Amino acid sequence: QAGGSLRLSCADSGRTFNGNVMGWFRQAPEKEREFVAAIRW
């Protein structure tokens, strides 16, 4: 509901990621994908 909270998680199930940055994007209906947040490893 509006005003509420959710927590998303993302894991590399292959456990092979050895990179530098992970982040979140989102895409609403009929809109382009947009950046949400990112974090340096």
PDB file of all heavy atoms in Angstrom:
ATOM      1  N   GLN A   1       0.849  -1.190   0.000  1.00  0.00           N
ATOM      2  CA  GLN A   1       0.000   0.000   0.000  1.00  0.00           C
ATOM      3  C   GLN A   1       0.886   1.243   0.000  1.00  0.00           C
ATOM      4  O   GLN A   1       2.043   1.203   0.434  1.00  0.00           O
ATOM      5  CB  GLN A   1      -0.899   0.018   1.221  1.00  0.00           C
ATOM      6  CG  GLN A   1      -1.983  -1.043   1.196  1.00  0.00           C
ATOM      7  CD  GLN A   1      -2.976  -0.881   2.339  1.00  0.00           C
ATOM      8  OE1 GLN A   1      -2.630  -0.376   3.397  1.00  0.00           O
ATOM      9  NE2 GLN A   1      -4.205  -1.313   2.111  1.00  0.00           N
ATOM     10  N   ALA A   2       0.342   2.318  -0.477  1.00  0.00           N
ATOM     11  CA  ALA A   2       1.077   3.580  -0.450  1.00  0.00           C
ATOM     12  C   ALA A   2       1.488   3.898   0.983  1.00  0.00           C
ATOM     13  O   ALA A   2       0.687   3.740   1.917  1.00  0.00           O
ATOM     14  CB  ALA A   2       0.212   4.700  -1.016  1.00  0.00           C
ATOM     15  N   GLY A   3       2.738   4.295   1.135  1.00  0.00           N
ATOM     16  CA  GLY A   3       3.274   4.558   2.459  1.00  0.00           C
ATOM     17  C   GLY A   3       3.945   3.355   3.092  1.00  0.00           C
ATOM     18  O   GLY A   3       4.614   3.480   4.115  1.00  0.00           O
ATOM     19  N   GLY A   4       3.758   2.207   2.478  1.00  0.00           N
ATOM     20  CA  GLY A   4       4.331   0.978   3.007  1.00  0.00           C
ATOM     21  C   GLY A   4       5.755   0.743   2.539  1.00  0.00           C
ATOM     22  O   GLY A   4       6.387   1.628   1.938  1.00  0.00           O
ATOM     23  N   SER A   5       6.243  -0.461   2.821  1.00  0.00           N
ATOM     24  CA  SER A   5       7.633  -0.807   2.517  1.00  0.00           C
ATOM     25  C   SER A   5       7.725  -2.181   1.879  1.00  0.00           C
ATOM     26  O   SER A   5       6.879  -3.048   2.108  1.00  0.00           O
ATOM     27  CB  SER A   5       8.469  -0.811   3.808  1.00  0.00           C
ATOM     28  OG  SER A   5       8.477   0.449   4.432  1.00  0.00           O
ATOM     29  N   LEU A   6       8.757  -2.334   1.091  1.00  0.00           N
ATOM     30  CA  LEU A   6       9.134  -3.629   0.526  1.00  0.00           C
ATOM     31  C   LEU A   6      10.648  -3.684   0.489  1.00  0.00           C
ATOM     32  O   LEU A   6      11.317  -2.646   0.411  1.00  0.00           O
ATOM     33  CB  LEU A   6       8.583  -3.812  -0.890  1.00  0.00           C
ATOM     34  CG  LEU A   6       7.115  -4.152  -1.053  1.00  0.00           C
ATOM     35  CD1 LEU A   6       6.731  -4.118  -2.535  1.00  0.00           C
ATOM     36  CD2 LEU A   6       6.783  -5.505  -0.459  1.00  0.00           C
ATOM     37  N   ARG A   7      11.172  -4.908   0.498  1.00  0.00           N
ATOM     38  CA  ARG A   7      12.623  -5.082   0.406  1.00  0.00           C
ATOM     39  C   ARG A   7      12.915  -6.056  -0.717  1.00  0.00           C
ATOM     40  O   ARG A   7      12.466  -7.209  -0.674  1.00  0.00           O
ATOM     41  CB  ARG A   7      13.192  -5.607   1.716  1.00  0.00           C
ATOM     42  CG  ARG A   7      14.712  -5.614   1.765  1.00  0.00           C
ATOM     43  CD  ARG A   7      15.201  -6.368   2.974  1.00  0.00           C
ATOM     44  NE  ARG A   7      16.612  -6.153   3.256  1.00  0.00           N
ATOM     45  CZ  ARG A   7      17.374  -7.038   3.879  1.00  0.00           C
ATOM     46  NH1 ARG A   7      16.866  -8.188   4.271  1.00  0.00           N
ATOM     47  NH2 ARG A   7      18.639  -6.752   4.129  1.00  0.00           N
ATOM     48  N   LEU A   8      13.661  -5.594  -1.682  1.00  0.00           N
ATOM     49  CA  LEU A   8      14.078  -6.437  -2.791  1.00  0.00           C
ATOM     50  C   LEU A   8      15.486  -6.958  -2.527  1.00  0.00           C
ATOM     51  O   LEU A   8      16.298  -6.278  -1.905  1.00  0.00           O
ATOM     52  CB  LEU A   8      14.077  -5.657  -4.099  1.00  0.00           C
ATOM     53  CG  LEU A   8      12.781  -4.963  -4.495  1.00  0.00           C
ATOM     54  CD1 LEU A   8      12.947  -4.297  -5.865  1.00  0.00           C
ATOM     55  CD2 LEU A   8      11.616  -5.927  -4.507  1.00  0.00           C
ATOM     56  N   SER A   9      15.748  -8.131  -3.026  1.00  0.00           N
ATOM     57  CA  SER A   9      17.099  -8.656  -2.979  1.00  0.00           C
ATOM     58  C   SER A   9      17.493  -9.189  -4.345  1.00  0.00           C
ATOM     59  O   SER A   9      16.636  -9.555  -5.152  1.00  0.00           O
ATOM     60  CB  SER A   9      17.230  -9.756  -1.919  1.00  0.00           C
ATOM     61  OG  SER A   9      16.431 -10.872  -2.257  1.00  0.00           O
ATOM     62  N   CYS A  10      18.780  -9.209  -4.571  1.00  0.00           N
ATOM     63  CA  CYS A  10      19.318  -9.715  -5.834  1.00  0.00           C
ATOM     64  C   CYS A  10      20.587 -10.476  -5.525  1.00  0.00           C
ATOM     65  O   CYS A  10      21.495  -9.940  -4.889  1.00  0.00           O
ATOM     66  CB  CYS A  10      19.598  -8.570  -6.792  1.00  0.00           C
ATOM     67  SG  CYS A  10      20.493  -9.070  -8.283  1.00  0.00           S
ATOM     68  N   ALA A  11      20.647 -11.696  -5.994  1.00  0.00           N
ATOM     69  CA  ALA A  11      21.827 -12.520  -5.766  1.00  0.00           C
ATOM     70  C   ALA A  11      22.347 -13.063  -7.080  1.00  0.00           C
ATOM     71  O   ALA A  11      21.576 -13.325  -8.012  1.00  0.00           O
ATOM     72  CB  ALA A  11      21.487 -13.663  -4.818  1.00  0.00           C
ATOM     73  N   ASP A  12      23.650 -13.246  -7.122  1.00  0.00           N
ATOM     74  CA  ASP A  12      24.268 -13.905  -8.264  1.00  0.00           C
ATOM     75  C   ASP A  12      24.276 -15.396  -7.957  1.00  0.00           C
ATOM     76  O   ASP A  12      25.152 -15.889  -7.271  1.00  0.00           O
ATOM     77  CB  ASP A  12      25.681 -13.381  -8.457  1.00  0.00           C
ATOM     78  CG  ASP A  12      26.478 -14.210  -9.455  1.00  0.00           C
ATOM     79  OD1 ASP A  12      25.844 -14.877 -10.304  1.00  0.00           O
ATOM     80  OD2 ASP A  12      27.716 -14.220  -9.383  1.00  0.00           O
ATOM     81  N   SER A  13      23.291 -16.091  -8.499  1.00  0.00           N
ATOM     82  CA  SER A  13      23.157 -17.515  -8.181  1.00  0.00           C
ATOM     83  C   SER A  13      24.327 -18.321  -8.730  1.00  0.00           C
ATOM     84  O   SER A  13      24.637 -19.391  -8.233  1.00  0.00           O
ATOM     85  CB  SER A  13      21.838 -18.058  -8.720  1.00  0.00           C
ATOM     86  OG  SER A  13      21.771 -17.909 -10.118  1.00  0.00           O
ATOM     87  N   GLY A  14      24.972 -17.803  -9.758  1.00  0.00           N
ATOM     88  CA  GLY A  14      26.121 -18.501 -10.297  1.00  0.00           C
ATOM     89  C   GLY A  14      27.374 -18.288  -9.473  1.00  0.00           C
ATOM     90  O   GLY A  14      28.370 -18.983  -9.643  1.00  0.00           O
ATOM     91  N   ARG A  15      27.337 -17.282  -8.608  1.00  0.00           N
ATOM     92  CA  ARG A  15      28.438 -16.933  -7.720  1.00  0.00           C
ATOM     93  C   ARG A  15      29.755 -16.777  -8.484  1.00  0.00           C
ATOM     94  O   ARG A  15      30.817 -17.198  -8.031  1.00  0.00           O
ATOM     95  CB  ARG A  15      28.587 -17.941  -6.588  1.00  0.00           C
ATOM     96  CG  ARG A  15      27.382 -18.000  -5.672  1.00  0.00           C
ATOM     97  CD  ARG A  15      27.665 -18.800  -4.414  1.00  0.00           C
ATOM     98  NE  ARG A  15      28.686 -18.199  -3.583  1.00  0.00           N
ATOM     99  CZ  ARG A  15      28.480 -17.221  -2.739  1.00  0.00           C
ATOM    100  NH1 ARG A  15      27.286 -16.685  -2.615  1.00  0.00           N
ATOM    101  NH2 ARG A  15      29.461 -16.743  -1.986  1.00  0.00           N
ATOM    102  N   THR A  16      29.625 -16.196  -9.657  1.00  0.00           N
ATOM    103  CA  THR A  16      30.826 -15.964 -10.453  1.00  0.00           C
ATOM    104  C   THR A  16      31.099 -14.493 -10.667  1.00  0.00           C
ATOM    105  O   THR A  16      32.098 -14.128 -11.270  1.00  0.00           O
ATOM    106  CB  THR A  16      30.706 -16.648 -11.828  1.00  0.00           C
ATOM    107  OG1 THR A  16      29.545 -16.132 -12.507  1.00  0.00           O
ATOM    108  CG2 THR A  16      30.594 -18.153 -11.686  1.00  0.00           C
ATOM    109  N   PHE A  17      30.188 -13.643 -10.194  1.00  0.00           N
ATOM    110  CA  PHE A  17      30.363 -12.221 -10.415  1.00  0.00           C
ATOM    111  C   PHE A  17      31.569 -11.728  -9.639  1.00  0.00           C
ATOM    112  O   PHE A  17      31.657 -11.908  -8.429  1.00  0.00           O
ATOM    113  CB  PHE A  17      29.118 -11.448  -9.987  1.00  0.00           C
ATOM    114  CG  PHE A  17      29.251  -9.960 -10.170  1.00  0.00           C
ATOM    115  CD1 PHE A  17      29.371  -9.426 -11.436  1.00  0.00           C
ATOM    116  CD2 PHE A  17      29.255  -9.101  -9.084  1.00  0.00           C
ATOM    117  CE1 PHE A  17      29.478  -8.053 -11.631  1.00  0.00           C
ATOM    118  CE2 PHE A  17      29.366  -7.728  -9.258  1.00  0.00           C
ATOM    119  CZ  PHE A  17      29.479  -7.214 -10.529  1.00  0.00           C
ATOM    120  N   ASN A  18      32.474 -11.087 -10.361  1.00  0.00           N
ATOM    121  CA  ASN A  18      33.676 -10.553  -9.726  1.00  0.00           C
ATOM    122  C   ASN A  18      33.867  -9.123 -10.180  1.00  0.00           C
ATOM    123  O   ASN A  18      34.959  -8.693 -10.514  1.00  0.00           O
ATOM    124  CB  ASN A  18      34.888 -11.412 -10.112  1.00  0.00           C
ATOM    125  CG  ASN A  18      36.107 -11.043  -9.297  1.00  0.00           C
ATOM    126  OD1 ASN A  18      36.014 -10.585  -8.161  1.00  0.00           O
ATOM    127  ND2 ASN A  18      37.283 -11.221  -9.884  1.00  0.00           N
ATOM    128  N   GLY A  19      32.760  -8.425 -10.226  1.00  0.00           N
ATOM    129  CA  GLY A  19      32.782  -7.087 -10.780  1.00  0.00           C
ATOM    130  C   GLY A  19      32.800  -6.011  -9.747  1.00  0.00           C
ATOM    131  O   GLY A  19      33.278  -6.211  -8.636  1.00  0.00           O
ATOM    132  N   ASN A  20      32.253  -4.894 -10.125  1.00  0.00           N
ATOM    133  CA  ASN A  20      32.498  -3.698  -9.360  1.00  0.00           C
ATOM    134  C   ASN A  20      31.257  -2.954  -8.913  1.00  0.00           C
ATOM    135  O   ASN A  20      31.281  -2.299  -7.887  1.00  0.00           O
ATOM    136  CB  ASN A  20      33.376  -2.764 -10.201  1.00  0.00           C
ATOM    137  CG  ASN A  20      34.090  -1.750  -9.362  1.00  0.00           C
ATOM    138  OD1 ASN A  20      33.505  -0.746  -8.968  1.00  0.00           O
ATOM    139  ND2 ASN A  20      35.348  -2.012  -9.079  1.00  0.00           N
ATOM    140  N   VAL A  21      30.193  -3.072  -9.671  1.00  0.00           N
ATOM    141  CA  VAL A  21      28.999  -2.280  -9.394  1.00  0.00           C
ATOM    142  C   VAL A  21      27.761  -3.153  -9.552  1.00  0.00           C
ATOM    143  O   VAL A  21      27.677  -3.951 -10.481  1.00  0.00           O
ATOM    144  CB  VAL A  21      28.869  -1.087 -10.364  1.00  0.00           C
ATOM    145  CG1 VAL A  21      27.625  -0.263 -10.040  1.00  0.00           C
ATOM    146  CG2 VAL A  21      30.118  -0.228 -10.337  1.00  0.00           C
ATOM    147  N   MET A  22      26.819  -2.991  -8.640  1.00  0.00           N
ATOM    148  CA  MET A  22      25.504  -3.605  -8.817  1.00  0.00           C
ATOM    149  C   MET A  22      24.450  -2.536  -8.580  1.00  0.00           C
ATOM    150  O   MET A  22      24.680  -1.573  -7.842  1.00  0.00           O
ATOM    151  CB  MET A  22      25.291  -4.780  -7.869  1.00  0.00           C
ATOM    152  CG  MET A  22      26.174  -5.972  -8.203  1.00  0.00           C
ATOM    153  SD  MET A  22      25.842  -7.436  -7.201  1.00  0.00           S
ATOM    154  CE  MET A  22      24.291  -8.007  -7.914  1.00  0.00           C
ATOM    155  N   GLY A  23      23.322  -2.723  -9.225  1.00  0.00           N
ATOM    156  CA  GLY A  23      22.306  -1.688  -9.104  1.00  0.00           C
ATOM    157  C   GLY A  23      20.918  -2.167  -9.425  1.00  0.00           C
ATOM    158  O   GLY A  23      20.697  -3.344  -9.730  1.00  0.00           O
ATOM    159  N   TRP A  24      19.998  -1.213  -9.363  1.00  0.00           N
ATOM    160  CA  TRP A  24      18.583  -1.486  -9.640  1.00  0.00           C
ATOM    161  C   TRP A  24      18.053  -0.484 -10.661  1.00  0.00           C
ATOM    162  O   TRP A  24      18.344   0.717 -10.586  1.00  0.00           O
ATOM    163  CB  TRP A  24      17.756  -1.360  -8.357  1.00  0.00           C
ATOM    164  CG  TRP A  24      18.056  -2.394  -7.328  1.00  0.00           C
ATOM    165  CD1 TRP A  24      18.934  -2.303  -6.284  1.00  0.00           C
ATOM    166  CD2 TRP A  24      17.485  -3.700  -7.248  1.00  0.00           C
ATOM    167  NE1 TRP A  24      18.941  -3.460  -5.558  1.00  0.00           N
ATOM    168  CE2 TRP A  24      18.046  -4.342  -6.123  1.00  0.00           C
ATOM    169  CE3 TRP A  24      16.536  -4.393  -8.007  1.00  0.00           C
ATOM    170  CZ2 TRP A  24      17.706  -5.638  -5.741  1.00  0.00           C
ATOM    171  CZ3 TRP A  24      16.195  -5.680  -7.629  1.00  0.00           C
ATOM    172  CH2 TRP A  24      16.777  -6.293  -6.509  1.00  0.00           C
ATOM    173  N   PHE A  25      17.274  -1.016 -11.577  1.00  0.00           N
ATOM    174  CA  PHE A  25      16.520  -0.216 -12.526  1.00  0.00           C
ATOM    175  C   PHE A  25      15.069  -0.631 -12.408  1.00  0.00           C
ATOM    176  O   PHE A  25      14.747  -1.651 -11.810  1.00  0.00           O
ATOM    177  CB  PHE A  25      17.016  -0.456 -13.953  1.00  0.00           C
ATOM    178  CG  PHE A  25      18.330   0.201 -14.270  1.00  0.00           C
ATOM    179  CD1 PHE A  25      19.512  -0.279 -13.729  1.00  0.00           C
ATOM    180  CD2 PHE A  25      18.388   1.286 -15.128  1.00  0.00           C
ATOM    181  CE1 PHE A  25      20.726   0.329 -14.022  1.00  0.00           C
ATOM    182  CE2 PHE A  25      19.593   1.899 -15.437  1.00  0.00           C
ATOM    183  CZ  PHE A  25      20.762   1.415 -14.879  1.00  0.00           C
ATOM    184  N   ARG A  26      14.187   0.152 -12.996  1.00  0.00           N
ATOM    185  CA  ARG A  26      12.766  -0.224 -13.019  1.00  0.00           C
ATOM    186  C   ARG A  26      12.129   0.239 -14.305  1.00  0.00           C
ATOM    187  O   ARG A  26      12.599   1.190 -14.943  1.00  0.00           O
ATOM    188  CB  ARG A  26      12.031   0.363 -11.816  1.00  0.00           C
ATOM    189  CG  ARG A  26      11.917   1.880 -11.826  1.00  0.00           C
ATOM    190  CD  ARG A  26      11.283   2.378 -10.518  1.00  0.00           C
ATOM    191  NE  ARG A  26      11.114   3.833 -10.502  1.00  0.00           N
ATOM    192  CZ  ARG A  26      10.699   4.511  -9.446  1.00  0.00           C
ATOM    193  NH1 ARG A  26      10.400   3.884  -8.305  1.00  0.00           N
ATOM    194  NH2 ARG A  26      10.561   5.826  -9.519  1.00  0.00           N
ATOM    195  N   GLN A  27      11.057  -0.467 -14.664  1.00  0.00           N
ATOM    196  CA  GLN A  27      10.320  -0.104 -15.867  1.00  0.00           C
ATOM    197  C   GLN A  27       8.838  -0.214 -15.596  1.00  0.00           C
ATOM    198  O   GLN A  27       8.325  -1.303 -15.301  1.00  0.00           O
ATOM    199  CB  GLN A  27      10.716  -0.997 -17.040  1.00  0.00           C
ATOM    200  CG  GLN A  27      10.096  -0.567 -18.353  1.00  0.00           C
ATOM    201  CD  GLN A  27      10.721  -1.256 -19.542  1.00  0.00           C
ATOM    202  OE1 GLN A  27      11.342  -2.307 -19.421  1.00  0.00           O
ATOM    203  NE2 GLN A  27      10.565  -0.671 -20.718  1.00  0.00           N
ATOM    204  N   ALA A  28       8.169   0.905 -15.687  1.00  0.00           N
ATOM    205  CA  ALA A  28       6.720   0.950 -15.527  1.00  0.00           C
ATOM    206  C   ALA A  28       6.063   0.704 -16.879  1.00  0.00           C
ATOM    207  O   ALA A  28       6.701   0.879 -17.931  1.00  0.00           O
ATOM    208  CB  ALA A  28       6.304   2.309 -14.970  1.00  0.00           C
ATOM    209  N   PRO A  29       4.798   0.301 -16.877  1.00  0.00           N
ATOM    210  CA  PRO A  29       4.104   0.043 -18.149  1.00  0.00           C
ATOM    211  C   PRO A  29       4.161   1.250 -19.079  1.00  0.00           C
ATOM    212  O   PRO A  29       3.935   2.384 -18.653  1.00  0.00           O
ATOM    213  CB  PRO A  29       2.673  -0.244 -17.708  1.00  0.00           C
ATOM    214  CG  PRO A  29       2.808  -0.764 -16.321  1.00  0.00           C
ATOM    215  CD  PRO A  29       3.954  -0.010 -15.714  1.00  0.00           C
ATOM    216  N   GLU A  30       4.526   0.991 -20.300  1.00  0.00           N
ATOM    217  CA  GLU A  30       4.574   2.002 -21.357  1.00  0.00           C
ATOM    218  C   GLU A  30       5.596   3.103 -21.082  1.00  0.00           C
ATOM    219  O   GLU A  30       5.493   4.198 -21.654  1.00  0.00           O
ATOM    220  CB  GLU A  30       3.183   2.603 -21.583  1.00  0.00           C
ATOM    221  CG  GLU A  30       2.148   1.555 -21.989  1.00  0.00           C
ATOM    222  CD  GLU A  30       0.795   2.175 -22.259  1.00  0.00           C
ATOM    223  OE1 GLU A  30       0.652   3.393 -22.064  1.00  0.00           O
ATOM    224  OE2 GLU A  30      -0.110   1.433 -22.660  1.00  0.00           O
ATOM    225  N   LYS A  31       6.560   2.818 -20.238  1.00  0.00           N
ATOM    226  CA  LYS A  31       7.626   3.781 -19.978  1.00  0.00           C
ATOM    227  C   LYS A  31       8.976   3.124 -20.207  1.00  0.00           C
ATOM    228  O   LYS A  31       9.093   1.906 -20.198  1.00  0.00           O
ATOM    229  CB  LYS A  31       7.536   4.327 -18.543  1.00  0.00           C
ATOM    230  CG  LYS A  31       6.341   5.216 -18.296  1.00  0.00           C
ATOM    231  CD  LYS A  31       6.422   5.873 -16.937  1.00  0.00           C
ATOM    232  CE  LYS A  31       5.270   6.834 -16.712  1.00  0.00           C
ATOM    233  NZ  LYS A  31       5.354   7.491 -15.382  1.00  0.00           N
ATOM    234  N   GLU A  32       9.982   3.944 -20.394  1.00  0.00           N
ATOM    235  CA  GLU A  32      11.322   3.415 -20.570  1.00  0.00           C
ATOM    236  C   GLU A  32      11.899   2.978 -19.217  1.00  0.00           C
ATOM    237  O   GLU A  32      11.504   3.478 -18.163  1.00  0.00           O
ATOM    238  CB  GLU A  32      12.225   4.466 -21.204  1.00  0.00           C
ATOM    239  CG  GLU A  32      11.841   4.820 -22.630  1.00  0.00           C
ATOM    240  CD  GLU A  32      12.854   5.737 -23.278  1.00  0.00           C
ATOM    241  OE1 GLU A  32      13.799   6.182 -22.597  1.00  0.00           O
ATOM    242  OE2 GLU A  32      12.705   6.011 -24.480  1.00  0.00           O
ATOM    243  N   ARG A  33      12.847   2.070 -19.309  1.00  0.00           N
ATOM    244  CA  ARG A  33      13.524   1.632 -18.088  1.00  0.00           C
ATOM    245  C   ARG A  33      14.311   2.796 -17.511  1.00  0.00           C
ATOM    246  O   ARG A  33      14.967   3.543 -18.246  1.00  0.00           O
ATOM    247  CB  ARG A  33      14.433   0.453 -18.407  1.00  0.00           C
ATOM    248  CG  ARG A  33      15.082  -0.177 -17.184  1.00  0.00           C
ATOM    249  CD  ARG A  33      15.637  -1.548 -17.501  1.00  0.00           C
ATOM    250  NE  ARG A  33      16.609  -1.520 -18.568  1.00  0.00           N
ATOM    251  CZ  ARG A  33      17.124  -2.605 -19.137  1.00  0.00           C
ATOM    252  NH1 ARG A  33      16.732  -3.794 -18.735  1.00  0.00           N
ATOM    253  NH2 ARG A  33      18.032  -2.490 -20.085  1.00  0.00           N
ATOM    254  N   GLU A  34      14.275   2.922 -16.184  1.00  0.00           N
ATOM    255  CA  GLU A  34      14.965   4.038 -15.544  1.00  0.00           C
ATOM    256  C   GLU A  34      15.800   3.548 -14.370  1.00  0.00           C
ATOM    257  O   GLU A  34      15.499   2.538 -13.732  1.00  0.00           O
ATOM    258  CB  GLU A  34      13.959   5.090 -15.059  1.00  0.00           C
ATOM    259  CG  GLU A  34      13.022   4.627 -13.973  1.00  0.00           C
ATOM    260  CD  GLU A  34      12.141   5.743 -13.447  1.00  0.00           C
ATOM    261  OE1 GLU A  34      12.211   6.872 -13.948  1.00  0.00           O
ATOM    262  OE2 GLU A  34      11.364   5.485 -12.497  1.00  0.00           O
ATOM    263  N   PHE A  35      16.844   4.288 -14.107  1.00  0.00           N
ATOM    264  CA  PHE A  35      17.759   3.989 -13.018  1.00  0.00           C
ATOM    265  C   PHE A  35      17.092   4.257 -11.675  1.00  0.00           C
ATOM    266  O   PHE A  35      16.336   5.224 -11.524  1.00  0.00           O
ATOM    267  CB  PHE A  35      19.005   4.870 -13.168  1.00  0.00           C
ATOM    268  CG  PHE A  35      19.946   4.839 -12.008  1.00  0.00           C
ATOM    269  CD1 PHE A  35      20.738   3.729 -11.771  1.00  0.00           C
ATOM    270  CD2 PHE A  35      20.033   5.923 -11.153  1.00  0.00           C
ATOM    271  CE1 PHE A  35      21.620   3.708 -10.702  1.00  0.00           C
ATOM    272  CE2 PHE A  35      20.913   5.913 -10.077  1.00  0.00           C
ATOM    273  CZ  PHE A  35      21.706   4.807  -9.859  1.00  0.00           C
ATOM    274  N   VAL A  36      17.399   3.391 -10.700  1.00  0.00           N
ATOM    275  CA  VAL A  36      16.879   3.576  -9.350  1.00  0.00           C
ATOM    276  C   VAL A  36      18.031   3.830  -8.377  1.00  0.00           C
ATOM    277  O   VAL A  36      18.074   4.846  -7.692  1.00  0.00           O
ATOM    278  CB  VAL A  36      16.071   2.347  -8.897  1.00  0.00           C
ATOM    279  CG1 VAL A  36      15.639   2.511  -7.446  1.00  0.00           C
ATOM    280  CG2 VAL A  36      14.873   2.129  -9.808  1.00  0.00           C
ATOM    281  N   ALA A  37      18.971   2.880  -8.313  1.00  0.00           N
ATOM    282  CA  ALA A  37      20.070   3.009  -7.358  1.00  0.00           C
ATOM    283  C   ALA A  37      21.200   2.075  -7.763  1.00  0.00           C
ATOM    284  O   ALA A  37      20.979   1.084  -8.462  1.00  0.00           O
ATOM    285  CB  ALA A  37      19.610   2.680  -5.941  1.00  0.00           C
ATOM    286  N   ALA A  38      22.415   2.396  -7.301  1.00  0.00           N
ATOM    287  CA  ALA A  38      23.570   1.543  -7.565  1.00  0.00           C
ATOM    288  C   ALA A  38      24.523   1.642  -6.386  1.00  0.00           C
ATOM    289  O   ALA A  38      24.491   2.614  -5.618  1.00  0.00           O
ATOM    290  CB  ALA A  38      24.272   1.960  -8.855  1.00  0.00           C
ATOM    291  N   ILE A  39      25.391   0.626  -6.284  1.00  0.00           N
ATOM    292  CA  ILE A  39      26.347   0.614  -5.187  1.00  0.00           C
ATOM    293  C   ILE A  39      27.656   0.026  -5.669  1.00  0.00           C
ATOM    294  O   ILE A  39      27.671  -0.936  -6.447  1.00  0.00           O
ATOM    295  CB  ILE A  39      25.794  -0.176  -3.977  1.00  0.00           C
ATOM    296  CG1 ILE A  39      26.673   0.022  -2.741  1.00  0.00           C
ATOM    297  CG2 ILE A  39      25.622  -1.654  -4.296  1.00  0.00           C
ATOM    298  CD1 ILE A  39      26.004  -0.419  -1.448  1.00  0.00           C
ATOM    299  N   ARG A  40      28.764   0.622  -5.246  1.00  0.00           N
ATOM    300  CA  ARG A  40      30.078   0.094  -5.566  1.00  0.00           C
ATOM    301  C   ARG A  40      30.396  -1.066  -4.638  1.00  0.00           C
ATOM    302  O   ARG A  40      30.066  -1.033  -3.457  1.00  0.00           O
ATOM    303  CB  ARG A  40      31.131   1.193  -5.394  1.00  0.00           C
ATOM    304  CG  ARG A  40      31.095   2.288  -6.425  1.00  0.00           C
ATOM    305  CD  ARG A  40      31.763   1.855  -7.703  1.00  0.00           C
ATOM    306  NE  ARG A  40      33.156   1.506  -7.530  1.00  0.00           N
ATOM    307  CZ  ARG A  40      34.167   2.377  -7.592  1.00  0.00           C
ATOM    308  NH1 ARG A  40      33.912   3.661  -7.804  1.00  0.00           N
ATOM    309  NH2 ARG A  40      35.404   1.969  -7.442  1.00  0.00           N
ATOM    310  N   TRP A  41      31.026  -2.066  -5.177  1.00  0.00           N
ATOM    311  CA  TRP A  41      31.268  -3.284  -4.397  1.00  0.00           C
ATOM    312  C   TRP A  41      32.343  -3.093  -3.340  1.00  0.00           C
ATOM    313  O   TRP A  41      32.258  -3.650  -2.259  1.00  0.00           O
ATOM    314  CB  TRP A  41      31.660  -4.414  -5.349  1.00  0.00           C
ATOM    315  CG  TRP A  41      31.234  -5.750  -4.842  1.00  0.00           C
ATOM    316  CD1 TRP A  41      32.027  -6.801  -4.533  1.00  0.00           C
ATOM    317  CD2 TRP A  41      29.894  -6.168  -4.577  1.00  0.00           C
ATOM    318  NE1 TRP A  41      31.268  -7.854  -4.088  1.00  0.00           N
ATOM    319  CE2 TRP A  41      29.968  -7.498  -4.103  1.00  0.00           C
ATOM    320  CE3 TRP A  41      28.641  -5.541  -4.667  1.00  0.00           C
ATOM    321  CZ2 TRP A  41      28.820  -8.226  -3.751  1.00  0.00           C
ATOM    322  CZ3 TRP A  41      27.520  -6.262  -4.319  1.00  0.00           C
ATOM    323  CH2 TRP A  41      27.616  -7.579  -3.872  1.00  0.00           C
TER     324      TRP A  41
END
